[in-house]
Amino acid sequence: MLNSAALAKYLPIILAGLLLFFPLVVSNNYFLLIATLIGIYVIVNSGLDIVYGYSGQITLGQAGFYAIGAYTSAILSLHTDLPVIFCMIAGGLLSSFLGMIIAIPSR
């Protein structure tokens, strides 16, 4: 029997395993879409929670970089024959690069 400390230690691993097998178990595309959107919004709002929740600063930069990455991914997937995962990675890399460029003068 697992005590609470062991359960807290293994819970992230168990949840990650369940999330990996979720698309294999669910065959309804609508549920997969909703689960994907929930995952994306959790990632976006985690960054906002760190900035606003811990430091009290209001920032809208995350929304701008999220939009740059999403727009890049959408344009690449519509106008090229590249796989969707490559388009998503390219969108993330482009928004990260633009974030680094914008951060240079703000040091």
PDB file of N, CA and C in Angstrom:
ATOM      1  N   MET A   1       0.834  -1.193   0.000  1.00  0.00           N
ATOM      2  CA  MET A   1       0.000   0.000   0.000  1.00  0.00           C
ATOM      3  C   MET A   1       0.870   1.245   0.000  1.00  0.00           C
ATOM      4  N   LEU A   2       0.533   2.204  -0.842  1.00  0.00           N
ATOM      5  CA  LEU A   2       1.300   3.437  -0.944  1.00  0.00           C
ATOM      6  C   LEU A   2       0.839   4.436   0.106  1.00  0.00           C
ATOM      7  N   ASN A   3       1.784   5.049   0.798  1.00  0.00           N
ATOM      8  CA  ASN A   3       1.422   6.134   1.697  1.00  0.00           C
ATOM      9  C   ASN A   3       1.327   7.429   0.895  1.00  0.00           C
ATOM     10  N   SER A   4       0.977   8.511   1.560  1.00  0.00           N
ATOM     11  CA  SER A   4       0.734   9.757   0.832  1.00  0.00           C
ATOM     12  C   SER A   4       2.015  10.333   0.231  1.00  0.00           C
ATOM     13  N   ALA A   5       3.158  10.147   0.875  1.00  0.00           N
ATOM     14  CA  ALA A   5       4.408  10.661   0.325  1.00  0.00           C
ATOM     15  C   ALA A   5       4.787   9.905  -0.952  1.00  0.00           C
ATOM     16  N   ALA A   6       4.610   8.589  -0.952  1.00  0.00           N
ATOM     17  CA  ALA A   6       4.922   7.810  -2.147  1.00  0.00           C
ATOM     18  C   ALA A   6       3.937   8.113  -3.263  1.00  0.00           C
ATOM     19  N   LEU A   7       2.673   8.327  -2.906  1.00  0.00           N
ATOM     20  CA  LEU A   7       1.668   8.660  -3.912  1.00  0.00           C
ATOM     21  C   LEU A   7       1.977  10.014  -4.548  1.00  0.00           C
ATOM     22  N   ALA A   8       2.385  10.983  -3.730  1.00  0.00           N
ATOM     23  CA  ALA A   8       2.737  12.298  -4.263  1.00  0.00           C
ATOM     24  C   ALA A   8       3.971  12.216  -5.157  1.00  0.00           C
ATOM     25  N   LYS A   9       4.843  11.272  -4.880  1.00  0.00           N
ATOM     26  CA  LYS A   9       6.049  11.108  -5.681  1.00  0.00           C
ATOM     27  C   LYS A   9       5.728  10.502  -7.046  1.00  0.00           C
ATOM     28  N   TYR A  10       4.806   9.551  -7.087  1.00  0.00           N
ATOM     29  CA  TYR A  10       4.504   8.836  -8.328  1.00  0.00           C
ATOM     30  C   TYR A  10       3.301   9.401  -9.088  1.00  0.00           C
ATOM     31  N   LEU A  11       2.564  10.321  -8.503  1.00  0.00           N
ATOM     32  CA  LEU A  11       1.362  10.854  -9.154  1.00  0.00           C
ATOM     33  C   LEU A  11       1.655  11.548 -10.487  1.00  0.00           C
ATOM     34  N   PRO A  12       2.689  12.388 -10.595  1.00  0.00           N
ATOM     35  CA  PRO A  12       2.958  12.988 -11.917  1.00  0.00           C
ATOM     36  C   PRO A  12       3.297  11.954 -12.986  1.00  0.00           C
ATOM     37  N   ILE A  13       3.993  10.899 -12.606  1.00  0.00           N
ATOM     38  CA  ILE A  13       4.339   9.850 -13.570  1.00  0.00           C
ATOM     39  C   ILE A  13       3.083   9.117 -14.019  1.00  0.00           C
ATOM     40  N   ILE A  14       2.187   8.837 -13.089  1.00  0.00           N
ATOM     41  CA  ILE A  14       0.941   8.144 -13.405  1.00  0.00           C
ATOM     42  C   ILE A  14       0.071   9.014 -14.317  1.00  0.00           C
ATOM     43  N   LEU A  15      -0.031  10.309 -13.990  1.00  0.00           N
ATOM     44  CA  LEU A  15      -0.845  11.210 -14.811  1.00  0.00           C
ATOM     45  C   LEU A  15      -0.265  11.377 -16.215  1.00  0.00           C
ATOM     46  N   ALA A  16       1.068  11.467 -16.320  1.00  0.00           N
ATOM     47  CA  ALA A  16       1.690  11.576 -17.640  1.00  0.00           C
ATOM     48  C   ALA A  16       1.437  10.321 -18.467  1.00  0.00           C
ATOM     49  N   GLY A  17       1.486   9.151 -17.821  1.00  0.00           N
ATOM     50  CA  GLY A  17       1.189   7.902 -18.531  1.00  0.00           C
ATOM     51  C   GLY A  17      -0.249   7.846 -19.007  1.00  0.00           C
ATOM     52  N   LEU A  18      -1.174   8.305 -18.174  1.00  0.00           N
ATOM     53  CA  LEU A  18      -2.583   8.327 -18.585  1.00  0.00           C
ATOM     54  C   LEU A  18      -2.809   9.289 -19.747  1.00  0.00           C
ATOM     55  N   LEU A  19      -2.132  10.434 -19.725  1.00  0.00           N
ATOM     56  CA  LEU A  19      -2.281  11.391 -20.819  1.00  0.00           C
ATOM     57  C   LEU A  19      -1.696  10.874 -22.125  1.00  0.00           C
ATOM     58  N   LEU A  20      -0.632  10.074 -22.032  1.00  0.00           N
ATOM     59  CA  LEU A  20      -0.059   9.513 -23.253  1.00  0.00           C
ATOM     60  C   LEU A  20      -0.981   8.488 -23.903  1.00  0.00           C
ATOM     61  N   PHE A  21      -1.728   7.752 -23.093  1.00  0.00           N
ATOM     62  CA  PHE A  21      -2.607   6.726 -23.636  1.00  0.00           C
ATOM     63  C   PHE A  21      -4.022   7.232 -23.918  1.00  0.00           C
ATOM     64  N   PHE A  22      -4.309   8.482 -23.577  1.00  0.00           N
ATOM     65  CA  PHE A  22      -5.650   9.033 -23.797  1.00  0.00           C
ATOM     66  C   PHE A  22      -6.066   9.006 -25.267  1.00  0.00           C
ATOM     67  N   PRO A  23      -5.208   9.424 -26.212  1.00  0.00           N
ATOM     68  CA  PRO A  23      -5.627   9.374 -27.624  1.00  0.00           C
ATOM     69  C   PRO A  23      -5.843   7.958 -28.140  1.00  0.00           C
ATOM     70  N   LEU A  24      -5.203   6.973 -27.537  1.00  0.00           N
ATOM     71  CA  LEU A  24      -5.390   5.594 -27.978  1.00  0.00           C
ATOM     72  C   LEU A  24      -6.718   5.021 -27.513  1.00  0.00           C
ATOM     73  N   VAL A  25      -7.205   5.512 -26.382  1.00  0.00           N
ATOM     74  CA  VAL A  25      -8.441   4.992 -25.795  1.00  0.00           C
ATOM     75  C   VAL A  25      -9.663   5.705 -26.369  1.00  0.00           C
ATOM     76  N   VAL A  26      -9.560   7.020 -26.567  1.00  0.00           N
ATOM     77  CA  VAL A  26     -10.692   7.821 -27.041  1.00  0.00           C
ATOM     78  C   VAL A  26     -10.639   7.897 -28.561  1.00  0.00           C
ATOM     79  N   SER A  27     -11.716   7.532 -29.207  1.00  0.00           N
ATOM     80  CA  SER A  27     -11.747   7.576 -30.673  1.00  0.00           C
ATOM     81  C   SER A  27     -12.571   8.741 -31.214  1.00  0.00           C
ATOM     82  N   ASN A  28     -13.231   9.477 -30.348  1.00  0.00           N
ATOM     83  CA  ASN A  28     -14.047  10.599 -30.774  1.00  0.00           C
ATOM     84  C   ASN A  28     -13.145  11.819 -30.990  1.00  0.00           C
ATOM     85  N   ASN A  29     -13.132  12.366 -32.187  1.00  0.00           N
ATOM     86  CA  ASN A  29     -12.265  13.504 -32.505  1.00  0.00           C
ATOM     87  C   ASN A  29     -12.634  14.752 -31.725  1.00  0.00           C
ATOM     88  N   TYR A  30     -13.909  14.916 -31.394  1.00  0.00           N
ATOM     89  CA  TYR A  30     -14.325  16.094 -30.636  1.00  0.00           C
ATOM     90  C   TYR A  30     -13.704  16.081 -29.253  1.00  0.00           C
ATOM     91  N   PHE A  31     -13.690  14.937 -28.578  1.00  0.00           N
ATOM     92  CA  PHE A  31     -13.092  14.850 -27.251  1.00  0.00           C
ATOM     93  C   PHE A  31     -11.583  15.067 -27.321  1.00  0.00           C
ATOM     94  N   LEU A  32     -10.946  14.594 -28.381  1.00  0.00           N
ATOM     95  CA  LEU A  32      -9.515  14.837 -28.549  1.00  0.00           C
ATOM     96  C   LEU A  32      -9.228  16.321 -28.777  1.00  0.00           C
ATOM     97  N   LEU A  33     -10.084  16.997 -29.528  1.00  0.00           N
ATOM     98  CA  LEU A  33      -9.927  18.427 -29.747  1.00  0.00           C
ATOM     99  C   LEU A  33     -10.062  19.195 -28.443  1.00  0.00           C
ATOM    100  N   ILE A  34     -11.077  18.872 -27.668  1.00  0.00           N
ATOM    101  CA  ILE A  34     -11.287  19.554 -26.390  1.00  0.00           C
ATOM    102  C   ILE A  34     -10.126  19.296 -25.445  1.00  0.00           C
ATOM    103  N   ALA A  35      -9.635  18.057 -25.383  1.00  0.00           N
ATOM    104  CA  ALA A  35      -8.500  17.737 -24.522  1.00  0.00           C
ATOM    105  C   ALA A  35      -7.242  18.474 -24.971  1.00  0.00           C
ATOM    106  N   THR A  36      -7.041  18.613 -26.270  1.00  0.00           N
ATOM    107  CA  THR A  36      -5.884  19.336 -26.784  1.00  0.00           C
ATOM    108  C   THR A  36      -5.971  20.817 -26.443  1.00  0.00           C
ATOM    109  N   LEU A  37      -7.148  21.399 -26.613  1.00  0.00           N
ATOM    110  CA  LEU A  37      -7.323  22.817 -26.278  1.00  0.00           C
ATOM    111  C   LEU A  37      -7.133  23.064 -24.788  1.00  0.00           C
ATOM    112  N   ILE A  38      -7.615  22.156 -23.963  1.00  0.00           N
ATOM    113  CA  ILE A  38      -7.413  22.291 -22.516  1.00  0.00           C
ATOM    114  C   ILE A  38      -5.926  22.255 -22.194  1.00  0.00           C
ATOM    115  N   GLY A  39      -5.189  21.343 -22.828  1.00  0.00           N
ATOM    116  CA  GLY A  39      -3.748  21.268 -22.595  1.00  0.00           C
ATOM    117  C   GLY A  39      -3.022  22.530 -23.017  1.00  0.00           C
ATOM    118  N   ILE A  40      -3.403  23.085 -24.164  1.00  0.00           N
ATOM    119  CA  ILE A  40      -2.769  24.317 -24.641  1.00  0.00           C
ATOM    120  C   ILE A  40      -3.054  25.463 -23.688  1.00  0.00           C
ATOM    121  N   TYR A  41      -4.285  25.613 -23.252  1.00  0.00           N
ATOM    122  CA  TYR A  41      -4.634  26.709 -22.353  1.00  0.00           C
ATOM    123  C   TYR A  41      -4.005  26.537 -20.980  1.00  0.00           C
ATOM    124  N   VAL A  42      -3.807  25.313 -20.528  1.00  0.00           N
ATOM    125  CA  VAL A  42      -3.120  25.082 -19.253  1.00  0.00           C
ATOM    126  C   VAL A  42      -1.677  25.563 -19.350  1.00  0.00           C
ATOM    127  N   ILE A  43      -1.012  25.265 -20.460  1.00  0.00           N
ATOM    128  CA  ILE A  43       0.379  25.696 -20.639  1.00  0.00           C
ATOM    129  C   ILE A  43       0.466  27.221 -20.713  1.00  0.00           C
ATOM    130  N   VAL A  44      -0.423  27.852 -21.472  1.00  0.00           N
ATOM    131  CA  VAL A  44      -0.397  29.308 -21.615  1.00  0.00           C
ATOM    132  C   VAL A  44      -0.686  29.988 -20.280  1.00  0.00           C
ATOM    133  N   ASN A  45      -1.675  29.501 -19.559  1.00  0.00           N
ATOM    134  CA  ASN A  45      -2.047  30.136 -18.302  1.00  0.00           C
ATOM    135  C   ASN A  45      -1.070  29.844 -17.173  1.00  0.00           C
ATOM    136  N   SER A  46      -0.290  28.793 -17.291  1.00  0.00           N
ATOM    137  CA  SER A  46       0.742  28.530 -16.278  1.00  0.00           C
ATOM    138  C   SER A  46       1.793  29.632 -16.301  1.00  0.00           C
ATOM    139  N   GLY A  47       2.186  30.063 -17.483  1.00  0.00           N
ATOM    140  CA  GLY A  47       3.132  31.169 -17.588  1.00  0.00           C
ATOM    141  C   GLY A  47       2.559  32.456 -17.037  1.00  0.00           C
ATOM    142  N   LEU A  48       1.302  32.718 -17.314  1.00  0.00           N
ATOM    143  CA  LEU A  48       0.661  33.922 -16.790  1.00  0.00           C
ATOM    144  C   LEU A  48       0.526  33.852 -15.277  1.00  0.00           C
ATOM    145  N   ASP A  49       0.269  32.660 -14.739  1.00  0.00           N
ATOM    146  CA  ASP A  49       0.159  32.485 -13.295  1.00  0.00           C
ATOM    147  C   ASP A  49       1.485  32.761 -12.608  1.00  0.00           C
ATOM    148  N   ILE A  50       2.572  32.356 -13.230  1.00  0.00           N
ATOM    149  CA  ILE A  50       3.883  32.601 -12.624  1.00  0.00           C
ATOM    150  C   ILE A  50       4.168  34.098 -12.551  1.00  0.00           C
ATOM    151  N   VAL A  51       3.911  34.811 -13.645  1.00  0.00           N
ATOM    152  CA  VAL A  51       4.218  36.244 -13.671  1.00  0.00           C
ATOM    153  C   VAL A  51       3.262  37.023 -12.778  1.00  0.00           C
ATOM    154  N   TYR A  52       1.971  36.800 -12.911  1.00  0.00           N
ATOM    155  CA  TYR A  52       0.999  37.588 -12.146  1.00  0.00           C
ATOM    156  C   TYR A  52       0.846  37.078 -10.720  1.00  0.00           C
ATOM    157  N   GLY A  53       0.827  35.770 -10.558  1.00  0.00           N
ATOM    158  CA  GLY A  53       0.577  35.210  -9.233  1.00  0.00           C
ATOM    159  C   GLY A  53       1.706  35.410  -8.255  1.00  0.00           C
ATOM    160  N   TYR A  54       2.938  35.288  -8.707  1.00  0.00           N
ATOM    161  CA  TYR A  54       4.069  35.395  -7.788  1.00  0.00           C
ATOM    162  C   TYR A  54       4.654  36.789  -7.697  1.00  0.00           C
ATOM    163  N   SER A  55       4.571  37.570  -8.763  1.00  0.00           N
ATOM    164  CA  SER A  55       5.172  38.897  -8.717  1.00  0.00           C
ATOM    165  C   SER A  55       4.147  40.024  -8.764  1.00  0.00           C
ATOM    166  N   GLY A  56       2.918  39.726  -9.106  1.00  0.00           N
ATOM    167  CA  GLY A  56       1.872  40.743  -9.124  1.00  0.00           C
ATOM    168  C   GLY A  56       1.927  41.654 -10.343  1.00  0.00           C
ATOM    169  N   GLN A  57       2.696  41.308 -11.344  1.00  0.00           N
ATOM    170  CA  GLN A  57       2.807  42.129 -12.544  1.00  0.00           C
ATOM    171  C   GLN A  57       1.806  41.658 -13.582  1.00  0.00           C
ATOM    172  N   ILE A  58       1.125  42.602 -14.197  1.00  0.00           N
ATOM    173  CA  ILE A  58       0.203  42.261 -15.279  1.00  0.00           C
ATOM    174  C   ILE A  58       0.963  42.377 -16.588  1.00  0.00           C
ATOM    175  N   THR A  59       0.947  41.304 -17.374  1.00  0.00           N
ATOM    176  CA  THR A  59       1.650  41.308 -18.645  1.00  0.00           C
ATOM    177  C   THR A  59       0.796  40.622 -19.694  1.00  0.00           C
ATOM    178  N   LEU A  60       0.853  41.139 -20.881  1.00  0.00           N
ATOM    179  CA  LEU A  60       0.130  40.533 -21.995  1.00  0.00           C
ATOM    180  C   LEU A  60       1.097  39.996 -23.048  1.00  0.00           C
ATOM    181  N   GLY A  61       2.378  39.912 -22.709  1.00  0.00           N
ATOM    182  CA  GLY A  61       3.379  39.416 -23.644  1.00  0.00           C
ATOM    183  C   GLY A  61       3.166  37.964 -24.017  1.00  0.00           C
ATOM    184  N   GLN A  62       2.707  37.154 -23.054  1.00  0.00           N
ATOM    185  CA  GLN A  62       2.488  35.744 -23.342  1.00  0.00           C
ATOM    186  C   GLN A  62       1.452  35.566 -24.436  1.00  0.00           C
ATOM    187  N   ALA A  63       0.419  36.368 -24.415  1.00  0.00           N
ATOM    188  CA  ALA A  63      -0.625  36.254 -25.438  1.00  0.00           C
ATOM    189  C   ALA A  63      -0.069  36.599 -26.817  1.00  0.00           C
ATOM    190  N   GLY A  64       0.818  37.565 -26.889  1.00  0.00           N
ATOM    191  CA  GLY A  64       1.408  37.937 -28.168  1.00  0.00           C
ATOM    192  C   GLY A  64       2.291  36.839 -28.734  1.00  0.00           C
ATOM    193  N   PHE A  65       3.126  36.249 -27.888  1.00  0.00           N
ATOM    194  CA  PHE A  65       3.996  35.180 -28.359  1.00  0.00           C
ATOM    195  C   PHE A  65       3.217  33.906 -28.642  1.00  0.00           C
ATOM    196  N   TYR A  66       2.165  33.667 -27.893  1.00  0.00           N
ATOM    197  CA  TYR A  66       1.265  32.544 -28.172  1.00  0.00           C
ATOM    198  C   TYR A  66       0.622  32.735 -29.544  1.00  0.00           C
ATOM    199  N   ALA A  67       0.210  33.961 -29.845  1.00  0.00           N
ATOM    200  CA  ALA A  67      -0.420  34.241 -31.136  1.00  0.00           C
ATOM    201  C   ALA A  67       0.577  34.110 -32.286  1.00  0.00           C
ATOM    202  N   ILE A  68       1.811  34.550 -32.073  1.00  0.00           N
ATOM    203  CA  ILE A  68       2.835  34.419 -33.119  1.00  0.00           C
ATOM    204  C   ILE A  68       3.085  32.950 -33.427  1.00  0.00           C
ATOM    205  N   GLY A  69       3.227  32.132 -32.397  1.00  0.00           N
ATOM    206  CA  GLY A  69       3.465  30.707 -32.597  1.00  0.00           C
ATOM    207  C   GLY A  69       2.288  30.016 -33.262  1.00  0.00           C
ATOM    208  N   ALA A  70       1.083  30.355 -32.835  1.00  0.00           N
ATOM    209  CA  ALA A  70      -0.107  29.731 -33.422  1.00  0.00           C
ATOM    210  C   ALA A  70      -0.290  30.152 -34.877  1.00  0.00           C
ATOM    211  N   TYR A  71      -0.064  31.414 -35.173  1.00  0.00           N
ATOM    212  CA  TYR A  71      -0.220  31.899 -36.546  1.00  0.00           C
ATOM    213  C   TYR A  71       0.826  31.265 -37.463  1.00  0.00           C
ATOM    214  N   THR A  72       2.060  31.183 -36.991  1.00  0.00           N
ATOM    215  CA  THR A  72       3.120  30.562 -37.783  1.00  0.00           C
ATOM    216  C   THR A  72       2.803  29.101 -38.067  1.00  0.00           C
ATOM    217  N   SER A  73       2.355  28.405 -37.036  1.00  0.00           N
ATOM    218  CA  SER A  73       2.016  26.991 -37.207  1.00  0.00           C
ATOM    219  C   SER A  73       0.866  26.811 -38.194  1.00  0.00           C
ATOM    220  N   ALA A  74      -0.133  27.662 -38.100  1.00  0.00           N
ATOM    221  CA  ALA A  74      -1.283  27.551 -39.002  1.00  0.00           C
ATOM    222  C   ALA A  74      -0.901  27.851 -40.444  1.00  0.00           C
ATOM    223  N   ILE A  75      -0.113  28.891 -40.655  1.00  0.00           N
ATOM    224  CA  ILE A  75       0.296  29.250 -42.011  1.00  0.00           C
ATOM    225  C   ILE A  75       1.170  28.162 -42.622  1.00  0.00           C
ATOM    226  N   LEU A  76       2.102  27.628 -41.838  1.00  0.00           N
ATOM    227  CA  LEU A  76       2.963  26.560 -42.355  1.00  0.00           C
ATOM    228  C   LEU A  76       2.172  25.304 -42.697  1.00  0.00           C
ATOM    229  N   SER A  77       1.221  24.955 -41.855  1.00  0.00           N
ATOM    230  CA  SER A  77       0.472  23.717 -42.115  1.00  0.00           C
ATOM    231  C   SER A  77      -0.512  23.878 -43.271  1.00  0.00           C
ATOM    232  N   LEU A  78      -0.982  25.095 -43.516  1.00  0.00           N
ATOM    233  CA  LEU A  78      -1.907  25.314 -44.633  1.00  0.00           C
ATOM    234  C   LEU A  78      -1.192  25.390 -45.980  1.00  0.00           C
ATOM    235  N   HIS A  79      -0.030  26.014 -46.011  1.00  0.00           N
ATOM    236  CA  HIS A  79       0.613  26.309 -47.292  1.00  0.00           C
ATOM    237  C   HIS A  79       1.802  25.415 -47.628  1.00  0.00           C
ATOM    238  N   THR A  80       2.123  24.482 -46.778  1.00  0.00           N
ATOM    239  CA  THR A  80       3.216  23.548 -47.064  1.00  0.00           C
ATOM    240  C   THR A  80       2.715  22.126 -46.812  1.00  0.00           C
ATOM    241  N   ASP A  81       3.467  21.171 -47.234  1.00  0.00           N
ATOM    242  CA  ASP A  81       3.128  19.771 -46.998  1.00  0.00           C
ATOM    243  C   ASP A  81       3.884  19.209 -45.809  1.00  0.00           C
ATOM    244  N   LEU A  82       4.275  20.068 -44.888  1.00  0.00           N
ATOM    245  CA  LEU A  82       5.016  19.626 -43.709  1.00  0.00           C
ATOM    246  C   LEU A  82       4.080  18.969 -42.703  1.00  0.00           C
ATOM    247  N   PRO A  83       4.581  18.032 -41.909  1.00  0.00           N
ATOM    248  CA  PRO A  83       3.746  17.434 -40.861  1.00  0.00           C
ATOM    249  C   PRO A  83       3.358  18.477 -39.806  1.00  0.00           C
ATOM    250  N   VAL A  84       2.227  18.265 -39.182  1.00  0.00           N
ATOM    251  CA  VAL A  84       1.697  19.236 -38.222  1.00  0.00           C
ATOM    252  C   VAL A  84       2.638  19.409 -37.040  1.00  0.00           C
ATOM    253  N   ILE A  85       3.243  18.331 -36.572  1.00  0.00           N
ATOM    254  CA  ILE A  85       4.137  18.444 -35.421  1.00  0.00           C
ATOM    255  C   ILE A  85       5.338  19.317 -35.751  1.00  0.00           C
ATOM    256  N   PHE A  86       5.850  19.238 -36.987  1.00  0.00           N
ATOM    257  CA  PHE A  86       6.951  20.107 -37.395  1.00  0.00           C
ATOM    258  C   PHE A  86       6.501  21.564 -37.429  1.00  0.00           C
ATOM    259  N   CYS A  87       5.284  21.815 -37.896  1.00  0.00           N
ATOM    260  CA  CYS A  87       4.758  23.184 -37.932  1.00  0.00           C
ATOM    261  C   CYS A  87       4.601  23.752 -36.529  1.00  0.00           C
ATOM    262  N   MET A  88       4.173  22.915 -35.593  1.00  0.00           N
ATOM    263  CA  MET A  88       4.029  23.370 -34.213  1.00  0.00           C
ATOM    264  C   MET A  88       5.387  23.701 -33.601  1.00  0.00           C
ATOM    265  N   ILE A  89       6.374  22.863 -33.855  1.00  0.00           N
ATOM    266  CA  ILE A  89       7.720  23.121 -33.334  1.00  0.00           C
ATOM    267  C   ILE A  89       8.301  24.385 -33.965  1.00  0.00           C
ATOM    268  N   ALA A  90       8.090  24.567 -35.255  1.00  0.00           N
ATOM    269  CA  ALA A  90       8.587  25.766 -35.938  1.00  0.00           C
ATOM    270  C   ALA A  90       7.923  27.024 -35.383  1.00  0.00           C
ATOM    271  N   GLY A  91       6.632  26.960 -35.098  1.00  0.00           N
ATOM    272  CA  GLY A  91       5.942  28.112 -34.511  1.00  0.00           C
ATOM    273  C   GLY A  91       6.482  28.447 -33.129  1.00  0.00           C
ATOM    274  N   GLY A  92       6.741  27.418 -32.333  1.00  0.00           N
ATOM    275  CA  GLY A  92       7.319  27.650 -31.013  1.00  0.00           C
ATOM    276  C   GLY A  92       8.725  28.215 -31.079  1.00  0.00           C
ATOM    277  N   LEU A  93       9.519  27.703 -32.023  1.00  0.00           N
ATOM    278  CA  LEU A  93      10.888  28.215 -32.178  1.00  0.00           C
ATOM    279  C   LEU A  93      10.895  29.666 -32.660  1.00  0.00           C
ATOM    280  N   LEU A  94       9.992  29.995 -33.591  1.00  0.00           N
ATOM    281  CA  LEU A  94       9.937  31.371 -34.076  1.00  0.00           C
ATOM    282  C   LEU A  94       9.521  32.333 -32.970  1.00  0.00           C
ATOM    283  N   SER A  95       8.503  31.976 -32.200  1.00  0.00           N
ATOM    284  CA  SER A  95       8.076  32.874 -31.128  1.00  0.00           C
ATOM    285  C   SER A  95       9.144  32.974 -30.038  1.00  0.00           C
ATOM    286  N   SER A  96       9.889  31.890 -29.793  1.00  0.00           N
ATOM    287  CA  SER A  96      10.996  31.955 -28.826  1.00  0.00           C
ATOM    288  C   SER A  96      12.105  32.872 -29.332  1.00  0.00           C
ATOM    289  N   PHE A  97      12.423  32.759 -30.619  1.00  0.00           N
ATOM    290  CA  PHE A  97      13.456  33.612 -31.207  1.00  0.00           C
ATOM    291  C   PHE A  97      13.043  35.086 -31.149  1.00  0.00           C
ATOM    292  N   LEU A  98      11.800  35.391 -31.484  1.00  0.00           N
ATOM    293  CA  LEU A  98      11.341  36.778 -31.407  1.00  0.00           C
ATOM    294  C   LEU A  98      11.340  37.285 -29.973  1.00  0.00           C
ATOM    295  N   GLY A  99      11.032  36.402 -29.028  1.00  0.00           N
ATOM    296  CA  GLY A  99      11.103  36.784 -27.619  1.00  0.00           C
ATOM    297  C   GLY A  99      12.522  37.120 -27.191  1.00  0.00           C
ATOM    298  N   MET A 100      13.497  36.353 -27.693  1.00  0.00           N
ATOM    299  CA  MET A 100      14.896  36.656 -27.373  1.00  0.00           C
ATOM    300  C   MET A 100      15.328  37.979 -27.989  1.00  0.00           C
ATOM    301  N   ILE A 101      14.878  38.263 -29.200  1.00  0.00           N
ATOM    302  CA  ILE A 101      15.219  39.520 -29.859  1.00  0.00           C
ATOM    303  C   ILE A 101      14.624  40.702 -29.087  1.00  0.00           C
ATOM    304  N   ILE A 102      13.392  40.573 -28.650  1.00  0.00           N
ATOM    305  CA  ILE A 102      12.739  41.644 -27.919  1.00  0.00           C
ATOM    306  C   ILE A 102      13.351  41.806 -26.533  1.00  0.00           C
ATOM    307  N   ALA A 103      13.861  40.737 -25.945  1.00  0.00           N
ATOM    308  CA  ALA A 103      14.435  40.804 -24.605  1.00  0.00           C
ATOM    309  C   ALA A 103      15.799  41.483 -24.565  1.00  0.00           C
ATOM    310  N   ILE A 104      16.492  41.558 -25.694  1.00  0.00           N
ATOM    311  CA  ILE A 104      17.839  42.147 -25.712  1.00  0.00           C
ATOM    312  C   ILE A 104      17.838  43.608 -25.238  1.00  0.00           C
ATOM    313  N   PRO A 105      16.969  44.465 -25.777  1.00  0.00           N
ATOM    314  CA  PRO A 105      17.014  45.850 -25.284  1.00  0.00           C
ATOM    315  C   PRO A 105      16.395  46.037 -23.892  1.00  0.00           C
ATOM    316  N   SER A 106      15.716  45.060 -23.380  1.00  0.00           N
ATOM    317  CA  SER A 106      15.059  45.222 -22.083  1.00  0.00           C
ATOM    318  C   SER A 106      15.935  44.782 -20.917  1.00  0.00           C
ATOM    319  N   ARG A 107      17.187  44.438 -21.172  1.00  0.00           N
ATOM    320  CA  ARG A 107      18.066  44.055 -20.079  1.00  0.00           C
ATOM    321  C   ARG A 107      18.417  45.209 -19.268  1.00  0.00           C
TER     322      ARG A 107
END
